[in-house]
Every structure is written in structure tokens, then in C-alpha cells.
Amino acid sequence: MTLSTVKRAILAMAPLFFIAACEKPTDDLGFQQIIGGNTEADSLHINLVSWTAPVDSIVVALDYSTQVTLGGYNSVRLLGHSESNYFGTEKARIVSQMIPNELNVDFGSNPVVDSVNLYLRLTEAYGDTSKTMDFAVYELSQAFEEDSLYYSNYQPTLANEIGRLNGYQPQPKTNSQFEDELAPALLRIPMDVPYFQSNFADVADGSADEFSSFAKFMEYFKGVQIEAENGGCILYTNLASAYTGLRIYYHNDEDTSYAELNFDQDKSIKPINFSTFEQIYTGSPLETLAQDSVNGEAETYTQAMAGVCTALRFDSRKIDSLVNEGLVINKAEVEIYTAQGSTEPVPPSPRMELRILEGKSLGDRIIDFQTDGGGGGTLSRGILRNNKYVIDLTRHLFEVLNSKENPTLALAPTTRTTAANRTILRGGSGLSERATVIVYYTKP
């Protein structure tokens, strides 16, 4: 039976329903409809063709006006450098504007900068925290464009290195010191004193035009890129924390004090900030992706921070055999199990979603995910780590049957820009518990 025949079969069995629903959206047609008379309900299990596909970039920041409408920029940003036998090397950098805590700052008479520190509040780490890390901070030499979208592979134009920390031992759950007081876990990066002396203390006298407004300041000091040059983990930072910011400690003829820059989102202007990502697959199974889109693969991979996703496609021949004459589809789900025994130290994503795969980019979510909380996809933990994702694709399958279009889908983490999860899945060509579509149907 061809797709067009399937379409005719479904439509032919529900003429009264079409008459009653002619003023309603067609995406509800056929769902949970049982035509009068005796009915027979059952389910079909159909294997999926699945493989690992590259994703060259993901959106990490919307245009400024849209982002402000949504409430400003996310406070969680990823920073680090991790290594995996399966996923190779992953890098996460923070790129951000900063604003002064107050405008028209005055460093006083004969100011001298004593020290400068960039503090980042740490909340979590994924990966190997036993490896030390070296951090570098660079000044941006090119301003952000407010009407632009920014992608994960964005590479800003950098000026001089203005901060460095070598030999840092990650301790994201250990309290630290801040201003001689006990504080939560912090990353403290010493900054370049001569730079802040000449560009801040020697300039800001209470009436300097560069410090007269947030907009003028961000044109003067365009922002920073913070990166880890090595290490074994990805750090989660909170840019909204009271412990996060850049402090310039100084003294003048009258007093000792400090000036502060931060990432605040509660000012009249919202500093643009996001994380950029880089993957290096040298020496890993992903270095030479087989991308067997005909037969599928025994194991597939997907990761946050862009890189790769698991591609899925219905076998058209099996789709054609879904429905006998008069079959009505009530529900369709895809079950995908995580692989066991991989020793991958990073936990799998807590929730997945299905999107259309457009070349090497993630397109729109399938229609089942286009309402709040729709689509499912939460990781379900089973016995003996027999964990799986159960995803609703009823509406999408109905679209496939009626449109005769069978797009390739991408299984991707719902949270991709503020999480570092990596997931290995059992593919559609594995020996046990393959990726499967379960179709629940009713037949008069």
C-alpha cells in the first residue's frame, strides 16, 4: 500500500468526522477517533532507521529586541574544556558584554590600581574535575550587533589578553573566600593591572564621556571572551550571582575602594552574553562519521553544545504497511534506549525533543512539541539502567501519512546552550531494544 493509498484509507473511514470538524485545524484529524460499531484496538512496533549526524551550529543568542522581550539573557553559561573517548574534545567559552555597576564612576585624585579580579560563581561541573585548568580572558575588539542572531560556532574578533589563571583545580561544590568572607564556589581570575590602570583609572574621573551611559561604555569596552585552554570538565557558571563580576581595587589620595563591572540584567540595557562551543573529534568514533542513513547504526550519539545529533527516519516501506483499510491511528510513540556500559562520565540529557533535520542544522520542532510541555521526551529510568526516552509523535506521523513527505528528524537535547550533557543511544540496527515506533490504532 502506498502513502497515498494510506491517506485515502484513513480519510474514507471518517466522513462524518470531517463534516463535523470542517472549521477546525486539520492537525487534529484522525486522533483518537473511533467510528461507530464494534472496534478492534491493537498496536504495531516498527523499527526506526537511526544514525549519527553532524550539527554545525545552534542558535545561542536571539536578536536583542527578542531576547529583551523574553526577559533578558540566561544567567547560566558554560565554560571549560572536556575530553571523552566517545565524543572527543569539547570546548565552551563565555562571550559577553559587561557594564559598570554605576555610571560616571570617579577613581579620584591620583588613582592607583592595586589588583583586578574577575569572579565567576560556579554551580556545577560535568566531566573530570581531577585535571587542572588554565584560563585566559581576552578583550573583544568588535562590538555585538543587536539585530543579529549568534550561533555556537561564532568566533569574535579578539584584542589583547587581559586576564589569566593557571593551574586551577576545579572544586564547584567547595566553599571559597570572597572579600574575606565565606562564599560559595567561585572561579577567580586575576586580570591585567596595567590595562585597567590606563583604560579605567586614568580615564574615569566622574565626567568621562565613555562612562556616562551604558551604551557608550559598551562601545568603549566591548566585552570579554573567557576560555579554558585545557582541562577535563565543563563548568556551569551563574552570571546573575551577587558573587559574579569584575572588581577593580584601587587607592587614591583620599581613600581605598573598588569599582565593579558585571553582567546585570536588571538595568535599562541588557548586556549580551552567551557561550560558544567547539568540538574536536580526532581519535574518537565520531572522527569519521559513517552516517549509514539506509541501514542505520547500532549505536548513535547526541550532545548538547551542538556537534552531533541522532537522525531518525521512518522506513517508507514500513510506513506504507501501517494501516489496513479503515485503520485509525490513536497514538504513536518512539522509544529510544540509552546504551549501557559506555563508561561515559557525563550523564545523558534529562529531556530530548524531535526537530526537522535540515542538512547540518536543526530546524523546527515537530508539531507534537509545539505546545508547552508537549511531546514528552523525558528520560525514563528503568531497571538495571535500562533507561529510555519516550516521545510522542502522533501528530507528526499523521502529517507524514497525509502529506506523503517523510523528513529526516533530529533527536536533540531540549536544553542545548546551557547544559553539557552527552548521550549514547541504542540505534535502529542494534541487536536488542532497538529504536522503535509504537503505533496504537483502532479498526472498526
Protein backbone atom coordinates (compact mmCIF):
# COMPACT_ATOMS: atom_id res chain seq x y z
CA MET A 1 0.00 0.00 0.00
CA THR A 2 1.43 3.39 -0.90
CA LEU A 3 1.34 6.52 1.21
CA SER A 4 -1.40 7.96 -0.98
CA THR A 5 -3.44 4.79 -0.52
CA VAL A 6 -2.97 5.07 3.24
CA LYS A 7 -4.22 8.61 3.09
CA ARG A 8 -7.30 7.59 1.19
CA ALA A 9 -7.92 4.71 3.56
CA ILE A 10 -7.82 6.94 6.63
CA LEU A 11 -9.97 9.64 5.12
CA ALA A 12 -12.51 7.21 3.76
CA MET A 13 -13.29 5.81 7.19
CA ALA A 14 -14.17 9.11 8.83
CA PRO A 15 -16.55 11.10 6.57
CA LEU A 16 -18.87 12.18 9.40
CA PHE A 17 -15.93 13.45 11.41
CA PHE A 18 -14.76 15.67 8.56
CA ILE A 19 -18.20 17.22 8.26
CA ALA A 20 -18.29 17.99 11.97
CA ALA A 21 -14.75 19.36 12.05
CA CYS A 22 -14.57 21.43 8.87
CA GLU A 23 -13.96 24.61 10.85
CA LYS A 24 -11.15 23.12 12.99
CA PRO A 25 -7.40 22.82 12.29
CA THR A 26 -6.60 19.72 10.28
CA ASP A 27 -3.79 18.69 12.60
CA ASP A 28 -6.37 17.08 14.92
CA LEU A 29 -7.89 14.89 12.22
CA GLY A 30 -7.83 11.19 12.91
CA PHE A 31 -6.72 11.37 16.55
CA GLN A 32 -8.49 9.11 19.00
CA GLN A 33 -11.48 8.85 16.71
CA ILE A 34 -13.47 5.64 16.89
CA ILE A 35 -16.18 5.36 14.27
CA GLY A 36 -19.39 3.69 15.46
CA GLY A 37 -19.81 -0.07 15.59
CA ASN A 38 -17.61 -2.81 17.00
CA THR A 39 -13.97 -1.79 17.25
CA GLU A 40 -10.66 -3.57 17.42
CA ALA A 41 -7.63 -1.92 19.09
CA ASP A 42 -4.03 -3.04 18.81
CA SER A 43 -0.50 -1.73 18.30
CA LEU A 44 2.31 -2.14 15.82
CA HIS A 45 6.03 -2.00 16.60
CA ILE A 46 8.15 -0.65 13.76
CA ASN A 47 11.92 -0.26 13.91
CA LEU A 48 13.41 3.12 13.06
CA VAL A 49 16.40 3.82 10.87
CA SER A 50 18.73 5.94 13.03
CA TRP A 51 22.26 7.21 12.63
CA THR A 52 24.59 9.91 13.95
CA ALA A 53 24.53 13.18 12.01
CA PRO A 54 26.66 16.33 12.36
CA VAL A 55 25.19 19.62 13.55
CA ASP A 56 27.39 22.51 12.53
CA SER A 57 25.87 25.15 14.82
CA ILE A 58 22.94 26.04 17.04
CA VAL A 59 21.46 29.42 17.98
CA VAL A 60 22.95 30.64 21.27
CA ALA A 61 21.51 34.20 21.31
CA LEU A 62 18.47 35.68 19.61
CA ASP A 63 18.42 39.25 18.35
CA TYR A 64 18.49 41.83 21.13
CA SER A 65 14.88 43.01 20.98
CA THR A 66 13.53 39.43 21.03
CA GLN A 67 15.83 38.48 23.89
CA VAL A 68 14.76 41.50 25.95
CA THR A 69 11.10 40.64 25.31
CA LEU A 70 11.83 37.21 26.78
CA GLY A 71 13.30 38.80 29.90
CA GLY A 72 16.97 39.20 29.09
CA TYR A 73 19.83 36.76 28.71
CA ASN A 74 20.18 33.48 30.56
CA SER A 75 22.34 33.58 33.68
CA VAL A 76 23.71 30.04 33.22
CA ARG A 77 26.77 29.94 30.97
CA LEU A 78 29.16 27.09 30.22
CA LEU A 79 32.93 27.37 30.44
CA GLY A 80 35.52 24.66 30.13
CA HIS A 81 37.39 22.01 28.23
CA SER A 82 36.46 18.32 28.46
CA GLU A 83 37.60 15.11 26.82
CA SER A 84 35.72 11.89 26.07
CA ASN A 85 36.67 8.60 24.48
CA TYR A 86 33.41 8.76 22.53
CA PHE A 87 32.90 12.49 21.83
CA GLY A 88 36.47 13.72 21.58
CA THR A 89 37.25 17.22 22.89
CA GLU A 90 34.58 19.78 23.72
CA LYS A 91 35.24 23.44 24.47
CA ALA A 92 32.85 26.02 25.90
CA ARG A 93 33.72 29.71 26.04
CA ILE A 94 31.84 32.67 27.53
CA VAL A 95 31.47 35.73 25.31
CA SER A 96 29.86 38.72 26.98
CA GLN A 97 29.42 42.43 27.30
CA MET A 98 29.89 43.94 30.77
CA ILE A 99 28.52 47.14 32.30
CA PRO A 100 29.67 49.26 35.25
CA ASN A 101 27.78 48.95 38.49
CA GLU A 102 27.29 52.70 38.38
CA LEU A 103 27.66 55.37 35.72
CA ASN A 104 30.09 58.32 35.84
CA VAL A 105 32.45 56.42 38.10
CA ASP A 106 35.22 58.57 39.62
CA PHE A 107 38.52 56.96 40.63
CA GLY A 108 39.54 60.16 42.46
CA SER A 109 42.82 62.05 42.58
CA ASN A 110 45.97 60.18 41.56
CA PRO A 111 44.31 56.76 41.47
CA VAL A 112 46.45 53.64 41.53
CA VAL A 113 45.02 50.24 40.65
CA ASP A 114 46.17 47.64 43.17
CA SER A 115 44.57 44.50 41.76
CA VAL A 116 41.76 43.36 39.47
CA ASN A 117 39.85 40.10 39.71
CA LEU A 118 37.12 38.51 37.60
CA TYR A 119 34.85 36.36 39.79
CA LEU A 120 32.52 33.71 38.39
CA ARG A 121 30.05 31.86 40.59
CA LEU A 122 30.27 28.10 39.97
CA THR A 123 27.27 25.83 40.44
CA GLU A 124 28.23 22.51 38.85
CA ALA A 125 30.79 20.69 36.72
CA TYR A 126 30.43 17.89 34.18
CA GLY A 127 33.43 15.73 33.41
CA ASP A 128 36.76 15.03 35.09
CA THR A 129 37.45 17.59 37.81
CA SER A 130 40.77 15.99 38.76
CA LYS A 131 42.55 17.74 35.87
CA THR A 132 43.84 21.27 36.40
CA MET A 133 42.73 24.06 34.08
CA ASP A 134 44.31 27.22 32.63
CA PHE A 135 42.04 30.17 31.84
CA ALA A 136 42.57 33.22 29.65
CA VAL A 137 40.44 36.37 29.28
CA TYR A 138 40.56 38.47 26.12
CA GLU A 139 39.12 41.87 25.34
CA LEU A 140 36.71 41.94 22.39
CA SER A 141 37.74 44.33 19.64
CA GLN A 142 34.42 44.26 17.77
CA ALA A 143 31.03 45.23 19.21
CA PHE A 144 27.98 42.97 19.07
CA GLU A 145 25.26 43.68 16.51
CA GLU A 146 21.90 43.93 18.28
CA ASP A 147 19.87 42.83 15.25
CA SER A 148 21.92 39.65 14.76
CA LEU A 149 21.39 36.08 15.85
CA TYR A 150 24.50 34.43 17.23
CA TYR A 151 25.43 30.79 16.67
CA SER A 152 27.51 28.34 18.64
CA ASN A 153 30.43 28.49 16.20
CA TYR A 154 30.70 32.29 16.44
CA GLN A 155 34.30 33.48 16.67
CA PRO A 156 34.61 37.06 17.93
CA THR A 157 37.47 39.35 16.96
CA LEU A 158 39.82 39.50 19.94
CA ALA A 159 42.22 42.15 21.16
CA ASN A 160 44.77 41.66 23.95
CA GLU A 161 44.78 39.08 26.69
CA ILE A 162 43.74 40.94 29.84
CA GLY A 163 43.45 38.13 32.37
CA ARG A 164 44.96 34.72 33.18
CA LEU A 165 44.73 31.94 35.74
CA ASN A 166 46.95 28.85 35.52
CA GLY A 167 46.76 25.58 37.42
CA TYR A 168 43.18 25.90 38.66
CA GLN A 169 41.81 22.80 40.39
CA PRO A 170 38.03 22.64 39.79
CA GLN A 171 36.02 22.47 43.01
CA PRO A 172 32.49 23.51 42.04
CA LYS A 173 30.92 22.33 45.29
CA THR A 174 33.53 23.69 47.71
CA ASN A 175 33.05 26.99 49.51
CA SER A 176 35.58 29.74 48.88
CA GLN A 177 36.54 33.20 50.11
CA PHE A 178 35.12 36.46 48.78
CA GLU A 179 36.12 39.75 50.40
CA ASP A 180 37.46 37.78 53.39
CA GLU A 181 34.05 36.17 53.88
CA LEU A 182 32.89 32.61 53.34
CA ALA A 183 31.25 32.29 49.91
CA PRO A 184 30.01 29.56 47.57
CA ALA A 185 32.32 28.08 44.96
CA LEU A 186 34.00 30.77 42.86
CA LEU A 187 36.43 30.94 39.98
CA ARG A 188 38.76 33.93 40.49
CA ILE A 189 40.81 35.04 37.50
CA PRO A 190 43.47 37.75 38.11
CA MET A 191 43.28 40.49 35.50
CA ASP A 192 45.97 42.70 33.97
CA VAL A 193 46.58 45.67 36.30
CA PRO A 194 48.35 48.00 33.79
CA TYR A 195 45.46 47.56 31.33
CA PHE A 196 42.84 48.66 33.87
CA GLN A 197 45.06 51.44 35.13
CA SER A 198 45.38 53.05 31.70
CA ASN A 199 41.88 52.27 30.38
CA PHE A 200 39.82 52.76 33.54
CA ALA A 201 41.51 54.52 36.46
CA ASP A 202 43.27 57.10 34.29
CA VAL A 203 40.09 57.80 32.28
CA ALA A 204 37.10 57.68 34.62
CA ASP A 205 37.09 61.00 36.53
CA GLY A 206 33.36 61.36 37.12
CA SER A 207 32.71 63.18 33.86
CA ALA A 208 34.36 60.98 31.21
CA ASP A 209 32.07 60.54 28.22
CA GLU A 210 33.00 56.85 27.93
CA PHE A 211 31.43 56.18 31.36
CA SER A 212 28.41 58.49 31.01
CA SER A 213 25.95 55.83 29.77
CA PHE A 214 25.80 52.06 29.48
CA ALA A 215 25.61 52.25 25.69
CA LYS A 216 28.70 54.47 25.45
CA PHE A 217 30.59 52.29 27.89
CA MET A 218 29.88 49.13 25.89
CA GLU A 219 31.15 50.87 22.78
CA TYR A 220 34.30 51.81 24.70
CA PHE A 221 34.81 48.43 26.44
CA LYS A 222 33.20 45.97 24.05
CA GLY A 223 33.32 42.93 26.29
CA VAL A 224 35.34 39.82 27.06
CA GLN A 225 35.87 36.26 25.96
CA ILE A 226 36.67 33.81 28.76
CA GLU A 227 38.12 30.46 27.77
CA ALA A 228 39.74 27.36 29.23
CA GLU A 229 42.87 26.29 27.39
CA ASN A 230 42.84 22.75 28.81
CA GLY A 231 41.28 20.59 31.49
CA GLY A 232 38.75 17.79 31.77
CA CYS A 233 35.39 19.33 32.64
CA ILE A 234 32.75 21.88 31.69
CA LEU A 235 31.94 24.37 34.46
CA TYR A 236 28.47 25.81 34.98
CA THR A 237 28.61 29.50 35.88
CA ASN A 238 25.90 31.84 37.17
CA LEU A 239 26.36 35.31 35.71
CA ALA A 240 23.46 36.71 37.75
CA SER A 241 25.00 35.84 41.10
CA ALA A 242 26.00 38.60 43.51
CA TYR A 243 29.38 36.86 43.63
CA THR A 244 29.94 37.23 39.86
CA GLY A 245 31.61 40.34 38.48
CA LEU A 246 34.88 42.13 37.80
CA ARG A 247 36.32 44.22 40.64
CA ILE A 248 38.99 46.89 40.19
CA TYR A 249 40.62 47.53 43.58
CA TYR A 250 42.40 50.88 43.83
CA HIS A 251 43.53 53.65 46.13
CA ASN A 252 43.81 57.41 45.62
CA ASP A 253 44.86 60.42 47.66
CA GLU A 254 41.83 60.16 49.90
CA ASP A 255 40.67 56.56 50.13
CA THR A 256 40.83 52.90 49.17
CA SER A 257 37.90 51.48 47.22
CA TYR A 258 36.84 49.42 44.22
CA ALA A 259 34.85 49.80 41.00
CA GLU A 260 32.80 46.95 39.62
CA LEU A 261 31.68 45.64 36.24
CA ASN A 262 29.03 42.95 35.97
CA PHE A 263 26.62 41.06 33.73
CA ASP A 264 23.45 42.55 35.30
CA GLN A 265 20.12 42.06 33.54
CA ASP A 266 18.20 44.50 35.77
CA LYS A 267 19.49 47.70 34.19
CA SER A 268 17.93 49.73 31.39
CA ILE A 269 20.17 47.89 28.94
CA LYS A 270 20.81 44.14 28.87
CA PRO A 271 24.41 43.01 28.32
CA ILE A 272 24.54 40.41 25.54
CA ASN A 273 26.14 37.18 26.69
CA PHE A 274 26.27 33.57 25.50
CA SER A 275 28.54 30.55 25.32
CA THR A 276 30.22 29.42 22.11
CA PHE A 277 31.17 25.80 21.51
CA GLU A 278 33.80 23.83 19.63
CA GLN A 279 34.15 20.07 19.11
CA ILE A 280 37.28 18.22 18.03
CA TYR A 281 36.59 14.56 17.21
CA THR A 282 40.16 13.46 16.48
CA GLY A 283 40.70 9.93 17.81
CA SER A 284 37.03 9.37 18.68
CA PRO A 285 34.37 7.21 16.94
CA LEU A 286 32.91 10.44 15.57
CA GLU A 287 36.06 11.38 13.65
CA THR A 288 34.82 9.56 10.56
CA LEU A 289 31.04 9.52 10.74
CA ALA A 290 29.68 6.58 8.75
CA GLN A 291 26.23 8.18 8.51
CA ASP A 292 24.57 4.97 7.36
CA SER A 293 21.17 6.50 6.62
CA VAL A 294 19.98 3.39 4.75
CA ASN A 295 20.57 0.65 7.30
CA GLY A 296 21.09 2.76 10.41
CA GLU A 297 23.66 2.23 13.14
CA ALA A 298 23.83 0.01 16.23
CA GLU A 299 24.68 3.00 18.46
CA THR A 300 24.04 6.66 17.87
CA TYR A 301 25.26 9.82 19.60
CA THR A 302 23.77 13.14 20.55
CA GLN A 303 25.19 16.02 22.55
CA ALA A 304 24.27 19.43 23.86
CA MET A 305 26.54 22.31 22.81
CA ALA A 306 25.94 21.38 19.12
CA GLY A 307 28.25 18.85 17.44
CA VAL A 308 26.15 15.80 16.62
CA CYS A 309 22.58 14.58 16.93
CA THR A 310 20.78 11.30 16.34
CA ALA A 311 18.98 11.36 13.00
CA LEU A 312 15.78 9.33 12.60
CA ARG A 313 13.74 8.38 9.60
CA PHE A 314 10.65 6.26 9.08
CA ASP A 315 11.18 3.41 6.65
CA SER A 316 8.74 4.38 3.90
CA ARG A 317 8.03 0.76 3.03
CA LYS A 318 7.06 0.03 6.61
CA ILE A 319 5.06 3.23 6.89
CA ASP A 320 3.03 2.05 3.89
CA SER A 321 2.13 -1.12 5.74
CA LEU A 322 0.97 0.68 8.90
CA VAL A 323 -2.70 0.75 8.07
CA ASN A 324 -5.11 -1.73 6.61
CA GLU A 325 -8.33 -0.42 5.14
CA GLY A 326 -10.18 1.62 7.76
CA LEU A 327 -7.33 1.91 10.31
CA VAL A 328 -7.43 5.00 12.56
CA ILE A 329 -4.24 5.96 14.38
CA ASN A 330 -4.90 6.89 18.01
CA LYS A 331 -1.36 7.42 19.22
CA ALA A 332 2.23 6.98 18.06
CA GLU A 333 5.34 6.99 20.24
CA VAL A 334 9.01 6.45 19.62
CA GLU A 335 11.05 4.60 22.25
CA ILE A 336 14.82 5.03 22.24
CA TYR A 337 17.02 3.36 24.84
CA THR A 338 20.33 4.65 26.16
CA ALA A 339 23.37 2.44 25.60
CA GLN A 340 24.73 0.58 28.59
CA GLY A 341 28.32 0.09 29.69
CA SER A 342 29.84 3.02 27.82
CA THR A 343 31.58 4.38 30.97
CA GLU A 344 30.78 7.87 29.68
CA PRO A 345 31.19 10.05 32.83
CA VAL A 346 28.69 12.72 31.80
CA PRO A 347 25.02 11.86 32.43
CA PRO A 348 22.61 11.73 29.49
CA SER A 349 20.29 14.63 28.75
CA PRO A 350 17.24 14.67 31.04
CA ARG A 351 14.91 15.51 28.13
CA MET A 352 15.04 15.19 24.36
CA GLU A 353 12.96 16.67 21.57
CA LEU A 354 12.46 15.94 17.88
CA ARG A 355 13.20 18.56 15.24
CA ILE A 356 13.39 18.52 11.47
CA LEU A 357 16.99 17.97 10.36
CA GLU A 358 17.83 20.44 7.61
CA GLY A 359 21.22 19.46 6.24
CA LYS A 360 23.55 20.06 9.18
CA SER A 361 21.17 22.37 11.05
CA LEU A 362 18.33 21.81 13.48
CA GLY A 363 15.04 23.04 12.04
CA ASP A 364 11.63 23.47 13.64
CA ARG A 365 10.36 21.16 16.35
CA ILE A 366 7.83 18.61 15.13
CA ILE A 367 4.22 19.63 15.71
CA ASP A 368 3.89 17.43 18.82
CA PHE A 369 6.43 19.65 20.63
CA GLN A 370 4.92 22.97 19.59
CA THR A 371 2.77 23.36 22.69
CA ASP A 372 4.12 23.89 26.21
CA GLY A 373 5.16 20.59 27.71
CA GLY A 374 4.09 18.66 24.62
CA GLY A 375 5.91 15.78 23.04
CA GLY A 376 7.24 14.07 26.14
CA GLY A 377 10.88 13.07 25.79
CA THR A 378 11.79 12.95 29.49
CA LEU A 379 14.37 10.28 30.34
CA SER A 380 12.63 7.35 32.00
CA ARG A 381 14.90 5.33 34.28
CA GLY A 382 14.35 1.58 34.22
CA ILE A 383 15.66 -1.49 35.96
CA LEU A 384 19.40 -2.16 35.65
CA ARG A 385 19.97 1.16 33.92
CA ASN A 386 17.56 0.16 31.16
CA ASN A 387 16.76 3.83 30.56
CA LYS A 388 14.80 5.20 27.64
CA TYR A 389 13.19 8.25 26.10
CA VAL A 390 9.52 8.00 25.16
CA ILE A 391 8.49 10.66 22.65
CA ASP A 392 5.03 11.42 21.31
CA LEU A 393 4.92 11.88 17.53
CA THR A 394 1.24 11.19 16.85
CA ARG A 395 0.60 14.42 15.02
CA HIS A 396 3.84 14.21 13.10
CA LEU A 397 3.12 10.68 11.91
CA PHE A 398 -0.34 11.75 10.80
CA GLU A 399 1.26 14.56 8.78
CA VAL A 400 3.63 12.06 7.16
CA LEU A 401 0.80 9.74 6.19
CA ASN A 402 -1.31 12.50 4.72
CA SER A 403 1.35 14.67 3.07
CA LYS A 404 3.49 11.83 1.69
CA GLU A 405 6.53 13.73 2.99
CA ASN A 406 8.93 11.80 5.20
CA PRO A 407 11.50 14.30 6.54
CA THR A 408 14.57 13.23 8.46
CA LEU A 409 14.22 14.04 12.15
CA ALA A 410 16.87 15.08 14.66
CA LEU A 411 16.77 13.83 18.23
CA ALA A 412 18.45 16.59 20.24
CA PRO A 413 18.61 17.68 23.89
CA THR A 414 15.86 20.14 24.77
CA THR A 415 18.48 22.20 26.62
CA ARG A 416 21.48 22.68 24.36
CA THR A 417 23.13 26.01 25.20
CA THR A 418 23.20 25.85 29.00
CA ALA A 419 23.94 22.15 29.53
CA ALA A 420 26.86 19.88 28.68
CA ASN A 421 25.08 16.51 28.55
CA ARG A 422 26.23 13.78 26.19
CA THR A 423 24.11 10.74 25.34
CA ILE A 424 24.83 7.42 23.64
CA LEU A 425 21.74 5.63 22.35
CA ARG A 426 20.87 2.20 21.01
CA GLY A 427 20.20 2.62 17.33
CA GLY A 428 17.70 1.05 14.99
CA SER A 429 20.12 -1.65 13.80
CA GLY A 430 21.18 -2.90 17.25
CA LEU A 431 20.65 -6.43 18.50
CA SER A 432 18.42 -5.59 21.46
CA GLU A 433 15.80 -2.98 22.30
CA ARG A 434 16.16 -1.02 19.12
CA ALA A 435 14.82 2.43 18.47
CA THR A 436 11.17 1.69 17.79
CA VAL A 437 7.95 3.41 16.78
CA ILE A 438 4.88 2.06 18.55
CA VAL A 439 1.63 2.85 16.76
CA TYR A 440 -1.65 2.37 18.63
CA TYR A 441 -4.59 2.05 16.28
CA THR A 442 -8.32 1.35 16.21
CA LYS A 443 -10.12 -0.59 13.49
CA PRO A 444 -13.90 -0.94 13.11
